[in-house]
PDB file of N, CA and C in Angstrom:
ATOM      1  N   MET A   1      85.971 102.453  87.757  1.00  0.00           N
ATOM      2  CA  MET A   1      86.813 103.531  87.329  1.00  0.00           C
ATOM      3  C   MET A   1      87.212 103.320  85.883  1.00  0.00           C
ATOM      4  N   SER A   2      86.264 103.246  85.037  1.00  0.00           N
ATOM      5  CA  SER A   2      86.493 102.885  83.653  1.00  0.00           C
ATOM      6  C   SER A   2      87.317 103.903  82.877  1.00  0.00           C
ATOM      7  N   GLU A   3      87.332 105.172  83.293  1.00  0.00           N
ATOM      8  CA  GLU A   3      88.063 106.188  82.562  1.00  0.00           C
ATOM      9  C   GLU A   3      89.562 105.902  82.525  1.00  0.00           C
ATOM     10  N   ILE A   4      90.079 105.212  83.500  1.00  0.00           N
ATOM     11  CA  ILE A   4      91.512 104.956  83.543  1.00  0.00           C
ATOM     12  C   ILE A   4      91.849 103.490  83.316  1.00  0.00           C
ATOM     13  N   ASP A   5      90.847 102.675  83.091  1.00  0.00           N
ATOM     14  CA  ASP A   5      91.025 101.291  82.701  1.00  0.00           C
ATOM     15  C   ASP A   5      91.883 100.495  83.691  1.00  0.00           C
ATOM     16  N   ILE A   6      91.317 100.256  84.856  1.00  0.00           N
ATOM     17  CA  ILE A   6      91.984  99.425  85.857  1.00  0.00           C
ATOM     18  C   ILE A   6      91.517  97.995  85.654  1.00  0.00           C
ATOM     19  N   LYS A   7      92.477  97.110  85.445  1.00  0.00           N
ATOM     20  CA  LYS A   7      92.158  95.692  85.301  1.00  0.00           C
ATOM     21  C   LYS A   7      92.991  94.926  86.301  1.00  0.00           C
ATOM     22  N   GLU A   8      92.310  94.124  87.109  1.00  0.00           N
ATOM     23  CA  GLU A   8      92.967  93.283  88.103  1.00  0.00           C
ATOM     24  C   GLU A   8      93.894  94.100  89.002  1.00  0.00           C
ATOM     25  N   GLY A   9      93.472  95.311  89.363  1.00  0.00           N
ATOM     26  CA  GLY A   9      94.240  96.138  90.282  1.00  0.00           C
ATOM     27  C   GLY A   9      95.462  96.802  89.680  1.00  0.00           C
ATOM     28  N   ARG A  10      95.560  96.779  88.364  1.00  0.00           N
ATOM     29  CA  ARG A  10      96.706  97.397  87.686  1.00  0.00           C
ATOM     30  C   ARG A  10      96.232  98.404  86.644  1.00  0.00           C
ATOM     31  N   MET A  11      97.065  99.419  86.458  1.00  0.00           N
ATOM     32  CA  MET A  11      96.796 100.396  85.410  1.00  0.00           C
ATOM     33  C   MET A  11      97.365  99.854  84.105  1.00  0.00           C
ATOM     34  N   LYS A  12      97.054 100.496  82.999  1.00  0.00           N
ATOM     35  CA  LYS A  12      97.552 100.052  81.696  1.00  0.00           C
ATOM     36  C   LYS A  12      99.073  99.942  81.658  1.00  0.00           C
ATOM     37  N   ASP A  13      99.751 100.843  82.377  1.00  0.00           N
ATOM     38  CA  ASP A  13     101.218 100.830  82.369  1.00  0.00           C
ATOM     39  C   ASP A  13     101.809  99.816  83.343  1.00  0.00           C
ATOM     40  N   GLY A  14     100.969  99.026  84.018  1.00  0.00           N
ATOM     41  CA  GLY A  14     101.431  97.966  84.899  1.00  0.00           C
ATOM     42  C   GLY A  14     101.567  98.353  86.354  1.00  0.00           C
ATOM     43  N   ARG A  15     101.479  99.634  86.677  1.00  0.00           N
ATOM     44  CA  ARG A  15     101.578 100.038  88.079  1.00  0.00           C
ATOM     45  C   ARG A  15     100.371  99.524  88.850  1.00  0.00           C
ATOM     46  N   VAL A  16     100.590  99.253  90.127  1.00  0.00           N
ATOM     47  CA  VAL A  16      99.560  98.655  90.972  1.00  0.00           C
ATOM     48  C   VAL A  16      98.763  99.749  91.678  1.00  0.00           C
ATOM     49  N   VAL A  17      97.435  99.634  91.585  1.00  0.00           N
ATOM     50  CA  VAL A  17      96.539 100.575  92.258  1.00  0.00           C
ATOM     51  C   VAL A  17      96.197 100.016  93.634  1.00  0.00           C
ATOM     52  N   LEU A  18      96.429 100.823  94.655  1.00  0.00           N
ATOM     53  CA  LEU A  18      96.047 100.439  96.012  1.00  0.00           C
ATOM     54  C   LEU A  18      94.559 100.701  96.204  1.00  0.00           C
ATOM     55  N   CYS A  19      94.129 101.926  95.923  1.00  0.00           N
ATOM     56  CA  CYS A  19      92.726 102.279  96.073  1.00  0.00           C
ATOM     57  C   CYS A  19      92.466 103.586  95.349  1.00  0.00           C
ATOM     58  N   GLY A  20      91.189 103.911  95.193  1.00  0.00           N
ATOM     59  CA  GLY A  20      90.828 105.154  94.538  1.00  0.00           C
ATOM     60  C   GLY A  20      89.338 105.407  94.612  1.00  0.00           C
ATOM     61  N   ALA A  21      88.984 106.629  94.285  1.00  0.00           N
ATOM     62  CA  ALA A  21      87.572 107.022  94.258  1.00  0.00           C
ATOM     63  C   ALA A  21      87.301 107.752  92.954  1.00  0.00           C
ATOM     64  N   ASN A  22      86.092 107.586  92.467  1.00  0.00           N
ATOM     65  CA  ASN A  22      85.664 108.162  91.204  1.00  0.00           C
ATOM     66  C   ASN A  22      84.420 109.005  91.459  1.00  0.00           C
ATOM     67  N   SER A  23      84.533 110.321  91.298  1.00  0.00           N
ATOM     68  CA  SER A  23      83.392 111.193  91.572  1.00  0.00           C
ATOM     69  C   SER A  23      82.321 111.092  90.491  1.00  0.00           C
ATOM     70  N   TYR A  24      82.685 110.644  89.295  1.00  0.00           N
ATOM     71  CA  TYR A  24      81.721 110.548  88.203  1.00  0.00           C
ATOM     72  C   TYR A  24      80.756 109.380  88.409  1.00  0.00           C
ATOM     73  N   GLU A  25      81.293 108.267  88.863  1.00  0.00           N
ATOM     74  CA  GLU A  25      80.476 107.073  89.083  1.00  0.00           C
ATOM     75  C   GLU A  25      80.116 106.892  90.558  1.00  0.00           C
ATOM     76  N   GLN A  26      80.643 107.755  91.403  1.00  0.00           N
ATOM     77  CA  GLN A  26      80.459 107.675  92.853  1.00  0.00           C
ATOM     78  C   GLN A  26      80.784 106.270  93.353  1.00  0.00           C
ATOM     79  N   LYS A  27      82.014 105.828  93.000  1.00  0.00           N
ATOM     80  CA  LYS A  27      82.480 104.508  93.401  1.00  0.00           C
ATOM     81  C   LYS A  27      83.831 104.622  94.084  1.00  0.00           C
ATOM     82  N   TYR A  28      84.087 103.652  94.960  1.00  0.00           N
ATOM     83  CA  TYR A  28      85.366 103.524  95.639  1.00  0.00           C
ATOM     84  C   TYR A  28      85.918 102.151  95.306  1.00  0.00           C
ATOM     85  N   PHE A  29      87.222 102.073  95.060  1.00  0.00           N
ATOM     86  CA  PHE A  29      87.888 100.812  94.737  1.00  0.00           C
ATOM     87  C   PHE A  29      89.016 100.579  95.736  1.00  0.00           C
ATOM     88  N   PHE A  30      89.108  99.370  96.270  1.00  0.00           N
ATOM     89  CA  PHE A  30      90.243  98.975  97.096  1.00  0.00           C
ATOM     90  C   PHE A  30      90.735  97.635  96.577  1.00  0.00           C
ATOM     91  N   ASN A  31      92.032  97.532  96.334  1.00  0.00           N
ATOM     92  CA  ASN A  31      92.649  96.321  95.802  1.00  0.00           C
ATOM     93  C   ASN A  31      92.803  95.299  96.925  1.00  0.00           C
ATOM     94  N   GLU A  32      91.717  94.644  97.248  1.00  0.00           N
ATOM     95  CA  GLU A  32      91.660  93.684  98.367  1.00  0.00           C
ATOM     96  C   GLU A  32      92.553  92.473  98.113  1.00  0.00           C
ATOM     97  N   GLU A  33      92.695  92.079  96.865  1.00  0.00           N
ATOM     98  CA  GLU A  33      93.482  90.895  96.536  1.00  0.00           C
ATOM     99  C   GLU A  33      94.941  91.046  96.973  1.00  0.00           C
ATOM    100  N   MET A  34      95.532  92.203  96.743  1.00  0.00           N
ATOM    101  CA  MET A  34      96.940  92.404  97.078  1.00  0.00           C
ATOM    102  C   MET A  34      97.140  93.003  98.468  1.00  0.00           C
ATOM    103  N   PHE A  35      96.152  93.732  98.956  1.00  0.00           N
ATOM    104  CA  PHE A  35      96.358  94.499 100.179  1.00  0.00           C
ATOM    105  C   PHE A  35      95.344  94.182 101.267  1.00  0.00           C
ATOM    106  N   GLY A  36      94.747  93.023 101.199  1.00  0.00           N
ATOM    107  CA  GLY A  36      93.735  92.635 102.168  1.00  0.00           C
ATOM    108  C   GLY A  36      94.245  92.484 103.585  1.00  0.00           C
ATOM    109  N   LYS A  37      95.559  92.342 103.749  1.00  0.00           N
ATOM    110  CA  LYS A  37      96.116  92.097 105.080  1.00  0.00           C
ATOM    111  C   LYS A  37      96.514  93.365 105.826  1.00  0.00           C
ATOM    112  N   ILE A  38      96.380  94.527 105.219  1.00  0.00           N
ATOM    113  CA  ILE A  38      96.711  95.734 105.970  1.00  0.00           C
ATOM    114  C   ILE A  38      95.604  95.985 106.998  1.00  0.00           C
ATOM    115  N   PRO A  39      95.919  96.670 108.075  1.00  0.00           N
ATOM    116  CA  PRO A  39      94.931  96.870 109.148  1.00  0.00           C
ATOM    117  C   PRO A  39      93.665  97.581 108.667  1.00  0.00           C
ATOM    118  N   GLU A  40      92.534  97.178 109.238  1.00  0.00           N
ATOM    119  CA  GLU A  40      91.243  97.776 108.881  1.00  0.00           C
ATOM    120  C   GLU A  40      91.244  99.294 109.095  1.00  0.00           C
ATOM    121  N   SER A  41      91.904  99.743 110.158  1.00  0.00           N
ATOM    122  CA  SER A  41      91.931 101.181 110.430  1.00  0.00           C
ATOM    123  C   SER A  41      92.616 101.941 109.297  1.00  0.00           C
ATOM    124  N   MET A  42      93.647 101.345 108.700  1.00  0.00           N
ATOM    125  CA  MET A  42      94.334 101.978 107.580  1.00  0.00           C
ATOM    126  C   MET A  42      93.454 101.953 106.330  1.00  0.00           C
ATOM    127  N   LYS A  43      92.742 100.845 106.126  1.00  0.00           N
ATOM    128  CA  LYS A  43      91.821 100.760 104.988  1.00  0.00           C
ATOM    129  C   LYS A  43      90.745 101.839 105.092  1.00  0.00           C
ATOM    130  N   GLU A  44      90.219 102.013 106.306  1.00  0.00           N
ATOM    131  CA  GLU A  44      89.183 103.031 106.520  1.00  0.00           C
ATOM    132  C   GLU A  44      89.731 104.433 106.285  1.00  0.00           C
ATOM    133  N   GLU A  45      90.951 104.678 106.736  1.00  0.00           N
ATOM    134  CA  GLU A  45      91.567 105.986 106.537  1.00  0.00           C
ATOM    135  C   GLU A  45      91.774 106.272 105.048  1.00  0.00           C
ATOM    136  N   LEU A  46      92.217 105.276 104.314  1.00  0.00           N
ATOM    137  CA  LEU A  46      92.385 105.432 102.870  1.00  0.00           C
ATOM    138  C   LEU A  46      91.044 105.729 102.190  1.00  0.00           C
ATOM    139  N   HIS A  47      90.015 105.018 102.617  1.00  0.00           N
ATOM    140  CA  HIS A  47      88.678 105.221 102.072  1.00  0.00           C
ATOM    141  C   HIS A  47      88.235 106.663 102.289  1.00  0.00           C
ATOM    142  N   VAL A  48      88.387 107.147 103.503  1.00  0.00           N
ATOM    143  CA  VAL A  48      87.984 108.519 103.833  1.00  0.00           C
ATOM    144  C   VAL A  48      88.770 109.525 103.006  1.00  0.00           C
ATOM    145  N   ILE A  49      90.084 109.340 102.909  1.00  0.00           N
ATOM    146  CA  ILE A  49      90.913 110.272 102.134  1.00  0.00           C
ATOM    147  C   ILE A  49      90.446 110.327 100.683  1.00  0.00           C
ATOM    148  N   CYS A  50      90.246 109.167 100.077  1.00  0.00           N
ATOM    149  CA  CYS A  50      89.853 109.123  98.660  1.00  0.00           C
ATOM    150  C   CYS A  50      88.496 109.778  98.418  1.00  0.00           C
ATOM    151  N   VAL A  51      87.530 109.435  99.243  1.00  0.00           N
ATOM    152  CA  VAL A  51      86.176 109.961  99.043  1.00  0.00           C
ATOM    153  C   VAL A  51      86.134 111.465  99.305  1.00  0.00           C
ATOM    154  N   LEU A  52      86.766 111.920 100.384  1.00  0.00           N
ATOM    155  CA  LEU A  52      86.768 113.358 100.671  1.00  0.00           C
ATOM    156  C   LEU A  52      87.503 114.140  99.593  1.00  0.00           C
ATOM    157  N   PHE A  53      88.572 113.560  99.048  1.00  0.00           N
ATOM    158  CA  PHE A  53      89.304 114.225  97.971  1.00  0.00           C
ATOM    159  C   PHE A  53      88.400 114.465  96.771  1.00  0.00           C
ATOM    160  N   THR A  54      87.695 113.411  96.347  1.00  0.00           N
ATOM    161  CA  THR A  54      86.845 113.565  95.167  1.00  0.00           C
ATOM    162  C   THR A  54      85.628 114.446  95.440  1.00  0.00           C
ATOM    163  N   GLU A  55      85.153 114.477  96.676  1.00  0.00           N
ATOM    164  CA  GLU A  55      84.042 115.374  96.998  1.00  0.00           C
ATOM    165  C   GLU A  55      84.482 116.832  96.927  1.00  0.00           C
ATOM    166  N   GLU A  56      85.720 117.092  97.343  1.00  0.00           N
ATOM    167  CA  GLU A  56      86.211 118.466  97.354  1.00  0.00           C
ATOM    168  C   GLU A  56      86.676 118.933  95.971  1.00  0.00           C
ATOM    169  N   CYS A  57      87.366 118.065  95.248  1.00  0.00           N
ATOM    170  CA  CYS A  57      87.999 118.480  93.990  1.00  0.00           C
ATOM    171  C   CYS A  57      87.322 117.922  92.746  1.00  0.00           C
ATOM    172  N   GLY A  58      86.608 116.808  92.895  1.00  0.00           N
ATOM    173  CA  GLY A  58      86.020 116.153  91.738  1.00  0.00           C
ATOM    174  C   GLY A  58      87.009 115.187  91.100  1.00  0.00           C
ATOM    175  N   GLY A  59      86.656 114.669  89.955  1.00  0.00           N
ATOM    176  CA  GLY A  59      87.545 113.789  89.204  1.00  0.00           C
ATOM    177  C   GLY A  59      87.710 112.419  89.810  1.00  0.00           C
ATOM    178  N   ILE A  60      88.868 111.839  89.533  1.00  0.00           N
ATOM    179  CA  ILE A  60      89.237 110.511  90.021  1.00  0.00           C
ATOM    180  C   ILE A  60      90.537 110.661  90.792  1.00  0.00           C
ATOM    181  N   PHE A  61      90.608 110.040  91.956  1.00  0.00           N
ATOM    182  CA  PHE A  61      91.793 110.108  92.798  1.00  0.00           C
ATOM    183  C   PHE A  61      92.221 108.698  93.150  1.00  0.00           C
ATOM    184  N   MET A  62      93.546 108.436  93.087  1.00  0.00           N
ATOM    185  CA  MET A  62      94.054 107.092  93.377  1.00  0.00           C
ATOM    186  C   MET A  62      95.387 107.138  94.106  1.00  0.00           C
ATOM    187  N   PHE A  63      95.607 106.120  94.925  1.00  0.00           N
ATOM    188  CA  PHE A  63      96.929 105.828  95.461  1.00  0.00           C
ATOM    189  C   PHE A  63      97.482 104.713  94.577  1.00  0.00           C
ATOM    190  N   VAL A  64      98.683 104.922  94.023  1.00  0.00           N
ATOM    191  CA  VAL A  64      99.282 103.988  93.070  1.00  0.00           C
ATOM    192  C   VAL A  64     100.712 103.682  93.501  1.00  0.00           C
ATOM    193  N   PHE A  65     101.097 102.413  93.388  1.00  0.00           N
ATOM    194  CA  PHE A  65     102.473 102.027  93.674  1.00  0.00           C
ATOM    195  C   PHE A  65     103.290 102.078  92.391  1.00  0.00           C
ATOM    196  N   GLU A  66     104.431 102.752  92.487  1.00  0.00           N
ATOM    197  CA  GLU A  66     105.358 102.852  91.367  1.00  0.00           C
ATOM    198  C   GLU A  66     106.193 101.576  91.302  1.00  0.00           C
ATOM    199  N   ASP A  67     106.933 101.388  90.220  1.00  0.00           N
ATOM    200  CA  ASP A  67     107.739 100.186  90.038  1.00  0.00           C
ATOM    201  C   ASP A  67     108.789 100.005  91.128  1.00  0.00           C
ATOM    202  N   ASP A  68     109.288 101.110  91.688  1.00  0.00           N
ATOM    203  CA  ASP A  68     110.322 101.028  92.724  1.00  0.00           C
ATOM    204  C   ASP A  68     109.753 100.808  94.124  1.00  0.00           C
ATOM    205  N   GLY A  69     108.436 100.705  94.245  1.00  0.00           N
ATOM    206  CA  GLY A  69     107.800 100.467  95.536  1.00  0.00           C
ATOM    207  C   GLY A  69     107.304 101.716  96.229  1.00  0.00           C
ATOM    208  N   SER A  70     107.638 102.878  95.692  1.00  0.00           N
ATOM    209  CA  SER A  70     107.127 104.115  96.292  1.00  0.00           C
ATOM    210  C   SER A  70     105.646 104.268  95.958  1.00  0.00           C
ATOM    211  N   ILE A  71     104.957 105.052  96.761  1.00  0.00           N
ATOM    212  CA  ILE A  71     103.530 105.262  96.543  1.00  0.00           C
ATOM    213  C   ILE A  71     103.322 106.696  96.067  1.00  0.00           C
ATOM    214  N   SER A  72     102.425 106.846  95.116  1.00  0.00           N
ATOM    215  CA  SER A  72     102.113 108.183  94.621  1.00  0.00           C
ATOM    216  C   SER A  72     100.604 108.363  94.601  1.00  0.00           C
ATOM    217  N   MET A  73     100.206 109.610  94.486  1.00  0.00           N
ATOM    218  CA  MET A  73      98.789 109.937  94.379  1.00  0.00           C
ATOM    219  C   MET A  73      98.556 110.519  92.995  1.00  0.00           C
ATOM    220  N   GLU A  74      97.504 110.049  92.364  1.00  0.00           N
ATOM    221  CA  GLU A  74      97.182 110.544  91.036  1.00  0.00           C
ATOM    222  C   GLU A  74      95.749 111.032  91.008  1.00  0.00           C
ATOM    223  N   THR A  75      95.549 112.081  90.269  1.00  0.00           N
ATOM    224  CA  THR A  75      94.211 112.613  90.088  1.00  0.00           C
ATOM    225  C   THR A  75      94.033 112.954  88.619  1.00  0.00           C
ATOM    226  N   VAL A  76      92.909 112.558  88.090  1.00  0.00           N
ATOM    227  CA  VAL A  76      92.588 112.834  86.687  1.00  0.00           C
ATOM    228  C   VAL A  76      91.139 113.290  86.597  1.00  0.00           C
ATOM    229  N   SER A  77      90.849 113.945  85.487  1.00  0.00           N
ATOM    230  CA  SER A  77      89.467 114.379  85.267  1.00  0.00           C
ATOM    231  C   SER A  77      89.122 114.245  83.799  1.00  0.00           C
ATOM    232  N   ASP A  78      87.832 114.182  83.540  1.00  0.00           N
ATOM    233  CA  ASP A  78      87.357 114.207  82.162  1.00  0.00           C
ATOM    234  C   ASP A  78      87.613 115.590  81.587  1.00  0.00           C
ATOM    235  N   GLU A  79      87.938 115.652  80.305  1.00  0.00           N
ATOM    236  CA  GLU A  79      88.176 116.942  79.660  1.00  0.00           C
ATOM    237  C   GLU A  79      86.966 117.858  79.750  1.00  0.00           C
ATOM    238  N   SER A  80      85.795 117.282  79.781  1.00  0.00           N
ATOM    239  CA  SER A  80      84.567 118.078  79.801  1.00  0.00           C
ATOM    240  C   SER A  80      84.132 118.473  81.215  1.00  0.00           C
ATOM    241  N   ASP A  81      84.920 118.093  82.219  1.00  0.00           N
ATOM    242  CA  ASP A  81      84.564 118.382  83.605  1.00  0.00           C
ATOM    243  C   ASP A  81      85.069 119.776  83.988  1.00  0.00           C
ATOM    244  N   TYR A  82      84.220 120.772  83.838  1.00  0.00           N
ATOM    245  CA  TYR A  82      84.598 122.146  84.138  1.00  0.00           C
ATOM    246  C   TYR A  82      84.521 122.451  85.629  1.00  0.00           C
ATOM    247  N   LEU A  83      83.993 121.538  86.419  1.00  0.00           N
ATOM    248  CA  LEU A  83      83.915 121.723  87.863  1.00  0.00           C
ATOM    249  C   LEU A  83      85.150 121.184  88.583  1.00  0.00           C
ATOM    250  N   TYR A  84      85.974 120.388  87.883  1.00  0.00           N
ATOM    251  CA  TYR A  84      87.184 119.845  88.487  1.00  0.00           C
ATOM    252  C   TYR A  84      88.128 120.993  88.839  1.00  0.00           C
ATOM    253  N   ASP A  85      88.634 120.979  90.054  1.00  0.00           N
ATOM    254  CA  ASP A  85      89.489 122.056  90.552  1.00  0.00           C
ATOM    255  C   ASP A  85      90.933 121.560  90.628  1.00  0.00           C
ATOM    256  N   GLU A  86      91.701 121.824  89.592  1.00  0.00           N
ATOM    257  CA  GLU A  86      93.071 121.337  89.497  1.00  0.00           C
ATOM    258  C   GLU A  86      93.978 121.954  90.570  1.00  0.00           C
ATOM    259  N   ILE A  87      93.758 123.217  90.887  1.00  0.00           N
ATOM    260  CA  ILE A  87      94.579 123.882  91.907  1.00  0.00           C
ATOM    261  C   ILE A  87      94.319 123.267  93.280  1.00  0.00           C
ATOM    262  N   SER A  88      93.051 123.099  93.627  1.00  0.00           N
ATOM    263  CA  SER A  88      92.720 122.464  94.906  1.00  0.00           C
ATOM    264  C   SER A  88      93.245 121.038  94.963  1.00  0.00           C
ATOM    265  N   ALA A  89      93.191 120.326  93.847  1.00  0.00           N
ATOM    266  CA  ALA A  89      93.685 118.948  93.796  1.00  0.00           C
ATOM    267  C   ALA A  89      95.182 118.912  94.109  1.00  0.00           C
ATOM    268  N   GLY A  90      95.934 119.813  93.534  1.00  0.00           N
ATOM    269  CA  GLY A  90      97.368 119.872  93.805  1.00  0.00           C
ATOM    270  C   GLY A  90      97.668 120.215  95.251  1.00  0.00           C
ATOM    271  N   LEU A  91      96.947 121.193  95.781  1.00  0.00           N
ATOM    272  CA  LEU A  91      97.151 121.589  97.175  1.00  0.00           C
ATOM    273  C   LEU A  91      96.768 120.475  98.137  1.00  0.00           C
ATOM    274  N   LEU A  92      95.655 119.817  97.874  1.00  0.00           N
ATOM    275  CA  LEU A  92      95.192 118.747  98.751  1.00  0.00           C
ATOM    276  C   LEU A  92      96.130 117.541  98.692  1.00  0.00           C
ATOM    277  N   THR A  93      96.639 117.223  97.517  1.00  0.00           N
ATOM    278  CA  THR A  93      97.597 116.130  97.375  1.00  0.00           C
ATOM    279  C   THR A  93      98.845 116.424  98.206  1.00  0.00           C
ATOM    280  N   HIS A  94      99.337 117.647  98.134  1.00  0.00           N
ATOM    281  CA  HIS A  94     100.503 118.046  98.914  1.00  0.00           C
ATOM    282  C   HIS A  94     100.215 117.945 100.413  1.00  0.00           C
ATOM    283  N   GLN A  95      99.035 118.372 100.820  1.00  0.00           N
ATOM    284  CA  GLN A  95      98.644 118.316 102.231  1.00  0.00           C
ATOM    285  C   GLN A  95      98.583 116.865 102.728  1.00  0.00           C
ATOM    286  N   ILE A  96      98.060 115.974 101.907  1.00  0.00           N
ATOM    287  CA  ILE A  96      97.986 114.550 102.278  1.00  0.00           C
ATOM    288  C   ILE A  96      99.399 113.991 102.452  1.00  0.00           C
ATOM    289  N   LYS A  97     100.317 114.341 101.529  1.00  0.00           N
ATOM    290  CA  LYS A  97     101.703 113.863 101.638  1.00  0.00           C
ATOM    291  C   LYS A  97     102.335 114.273 102.960  1.00  0.00           C
ATOM    292  N   ILE A  98     102.058 115.489 103.389  1.00  0.00           N
ATOM    293  CA  ILE A  98     102.651 115.986 104.622  1.00  0.00           C
ATOM    294  C   ILE A  98     101.986 115.358 105.847  1.00  0.00           C
ATOM    295  N   LYS A  99     100.654 115.394 105.904  1.00  0.00           N
ATOM    296  CA  LYS A  99      99.931 114.917 107.085  1.00  0.00           C
ATOM    297  C   LYS A  99      99.944 113.398 107.234  1.00  0.00           C
ATOM    298  N   ARG A 100     100.029 112.688 106.145  1.00  0.00           N
ATOM    299  CA  ARG A 100      99.954 111.222 106.179  1.00  0.00           C
ATOM    300  C   ARG A 100     101.274 110.563 105.786  1.00  0.00           C
ATOM    301  N   GLN A 101     102.371 111.263 105.995  1.00  0.00           N
ATOM    302  CA  GLN A 101     103.683 110.766 105.598  1.00  0.00           C
ATOM    303  C   GLN A 101     103.997 109.404 106.218  1.00  0.00           C
ATOM    304  N   ASP A 102     103.717 109.237 107.508  1.00  0.00           N
ATOM    305  CA  ASP A 102     103.996 107.962 108.179  1.00  0.00           C
ATOM    306  C   ASP A 102     103.190 106.822 107.567  1.00  0.00           C
ATOM    307  N   MET A 103     101.924 107.068 107.298  1.00  0.00           N
ATOM    308  CA  MET A 103     101.082 106.040 106.700  1.00  0.00           C
ATOM    309  C   MET A 103     101.582 105.683 105.301  1.00  0.00           C
ATOM    310  N   LEU A 104     101.944 106.683 104.510  1.00  0.00           N
ATOM    311  CA  LEU A 104     102.422 106.437 103.148  1.00  0.00           C
ATOM    312  C   LEU A 104     103.736 105.654 103.163  1.00  0.00           C
ATOM    313  N   GLU A 105     104.621 105.976 104.103  1.00  0.00           N
ATOM    314  CA  GLU A 105     105.871 105.231 104.228  1.00  0.00           C
ATOM    315  C   GLU A 105     105.612 103.789 104.647  1.00  0.00           C
ATOM    316  N   ALA A 106     104.669 103.586 105.554  1.00  0.00           N
ATOM    317  CA  ALA A 106     104.328 102.229 105.990  1.00  0.00           C
ATOM    318  C   ALA A 106     103.735 101.416 104.834  1.00  0.00           C
ATOM    319  N   LEU A 107     102.898 102.035 104.035  1.00  0.00           N
ATOM    320  CA  LEU A 107     102.324 101.339 102.885  1.00  0.00           C
ATOM    321  C   LEU A 107     103.404 100.980 101.859  1.00  0.00           C
ATOM    322  N   SER A 108     104.327 101.877 101.646  1.00  0.00           N
ATOM    323  CA  SER A 108     105.433 101.608 100.729  1.00  0.00           C
ATOM    324  C   SER A 108     106.270 100.439 101.233  1.00  0.00           C
ATOM    325  N   MET A 109     106.550 100.414 102.526  1.00  0.00           N
ATOM    326  CA  MET A 109     107.326  99.321 103.120  1.00  0.00           C
ATOM    327  C   MET A 109     106.567  97.998 102.971  1.00  0.00           C
ATOM    328  N   TYR A 110     105.278  98.009 103.253  1.00  0.00           N
ATOM    329  CA  TYR A 110     104.440  96.808 103.088  1.00  0.00           C
ATOM    330  C   TYR A 110     104.548  96.289 101.650  1.00  0.00           C
ATOM    331  N   TYR A 111     104.404  97.187 100.695  1.00  0.00           N
ATOM    332  CA  TYR A 111     104.433  96.809  99.282  1.00  0.00           C
ATOM    333  C   TYR A 111     105.800  96.224  98.914  1.00  0.00           C
ATOM    334  N   ARG A 112     106.853  96.879  99.350  1.00  0.00           N
ATOM    335  CA  ARG A 112     108.200  96.423  99.013  1.00  0.00           C
ATOM    336  C   ARG A 112     108.507  95.054  99.620  1.00  0.00           C
ATOM    337  N   VAL A 113     108.053  94.817 100.864  1.00  0.00           N
ATOM    338  CA  VAL A 113     108.364  93.564 101.545  1.00  0.00           C
ATOM    339  C   VAL A 113     107.440  92.432 101.106  1.00  0.00           C
ATOM    340  N   PHE A 114     106.121  92.667 101.122  1.00  0.00           N
ATOM    341  CA  PHE A 114     105.172  91.570 100.901  1.00  0.00           C
ATOM    342  C   PHE A 114     104.740  91.381  99.446  1.00  0.00           C
ATOM    343  N   ILE A 115     104.859  92.404  98.632  1.00  0.00           N
ATOM    344  CA  ILE A 115     104.462  92.263  97.226  1.00  0.00           C
ATOM    345  C   ILE A 115     105.687  92.096  96.327  1.00  0.00           C
ATOM    346  N   LEU A 116     106.692  92.971  96.501  1.00  0.00           N
ATOM    347  CA  LEU A 116     107.908  92.891  95.688  1.00  0.00           C
ATOM    348  C   LEU A 116     108.927  91.903  96.264  1.00  0.00           C
ATOM    349  N   HIS A 117     108.707  91.458  97.513  1.00  0.00           N
ATOM    350  CA  HIS A 117     109.587  90.496  98.197  1.00  0.00           C
ATOM    351  C   HIS A 117     111.028  90.993  98.298  1.00  0.00           C
ATOM    352  N   GLU A 118     111.171  92.284  98.592  1.00  0.00           N
ATOM    353  CA  GLU A 118     112.501  92.849  98.800  1.00  0.00           C
ATOM    354  C   GLU A 118     112.991  92.482 100.192  1.00  0.00           C
ATOM    355  N   LYS A 119     114.269  92.278 100.294  1.00  0.00           N
ATOM    356  CA  LYS A 119     114.899  92.090 101.611  1.00  0.00           C
ATOM    357  C   LYS A 119     115.327  93.477 102.063  1.00  0.00           C
ATOM    358  N   ILE A 120     114.779  93.905 103.176  1.00  0.00           N
ATOM    359  CA  ILE A 120     115.098  95.215 103.714  1.00  0.00           C
ATOM    360  C   ILE A 120     116.130  95.022 104.816  1.00  0.00           C
ATOM    361  N   GLU A 121     117.293  95.616 104.649  1.00  0.00           N
ATOM    362  CA  GLU A 121     118.383  95.485 105.627  1.00  0.00           C
ATOM    363  C   GLU A 121     117.917  95.906 107.026  1.00  0.00           C
ATOM    364  N   GLY A 122     118.187  95.058 107.998  1.00  0.00           N
ATOM    365  CA  GLY A 122     117.841  95.371 109.378  1.00  0.00           C
ATOM    366  C   GLY A 122     116.392  95.120 109.737  1.00  0.00           C
ATOM    367  N   LEU A 123     115.610  94.604 108.810  1.00  0.00           N
ATOM    368  CA  LEU A 123     114.196  94.351 109.057  1.00  0.00           C
ATOM    369  C   LEU A 123     113.986  92.843 109.139  1.00  0.00           C
ATOM    370  N   ASP A 124     113.474  92.379 110.276  1.00  0.00           N
ATOM    371  CA  ASP A 124     113.232  90.956 110.472  1.00  0.00           C
ATOM    372  C   ASP A 124     111.734  90.711 110.422  1.00  0.00           C
ATOM    373  N   ILE A 125     111.270  90.160 109.310  1.00  0.00           N
ATOM    374  CA  ILE A 125     109.843  89.879 109.133  1.00  0.00           C
ATOM    375  C   ILE A 125     109.677  88.364 109.018  1.00  0.00           C
ATOM    376  N   THR A 126     108.932  87.807 109.923  1.00  0.00           N
ATOM    377  CA  THR A 126     108.642  86.383 109.859  1.00  0.00           C
ATOM    378  C   THR A 126     107.134  86.214 109.777  1.00  0.00           C
ATOM    379  N   GLN A 127     106.713  85.322 108.914  1.00  0.00           N
ATOM    380  CA  GLN A 127     105.279  85.106 108.744  1.00  0.00           C
ATOM    381  C   GLN A 127     104.865  83.842 109.424  1.00  0.00           C
TER     382      GLN A 127
END
C-alpha cells in the first residue's frame, strides 16, 4: 500500500493500521505483529470486508486505530482514478459501521487493553 506509506503497521501520523486492501496493487495487508492473537474468524471477516469494499468502490480501504483506541475506516484514491466511487464508499463505510458494530467495539477493546494497556473498570483480564 505504497500510496499511503505504511511502515511497520503505522501510518505517517503514527496511527496504527489493523488491516487494509489496495485495489491498485490488488494486495491485502494485515498487521499480524500487533493483532496476531485475535480469532481467525475475525481476521477472515476483516479480510472479506476489505477486499469486497475495494472491489465495489475501488481505491484503498483500511481499518485504523486512532490515538484514543477507537477504530475508524479510511478510504483513499489516486487523483487520477476516475472509477473510484466516493458516494458508494461513504455509504458502504456507514453500512459496515452499523452491521459490524459489535466487531468494531470488540476490536477497539482489544486494542485499548492489549496494545495501549489501559485498565478498563470492571474488566478482569488475566493472561
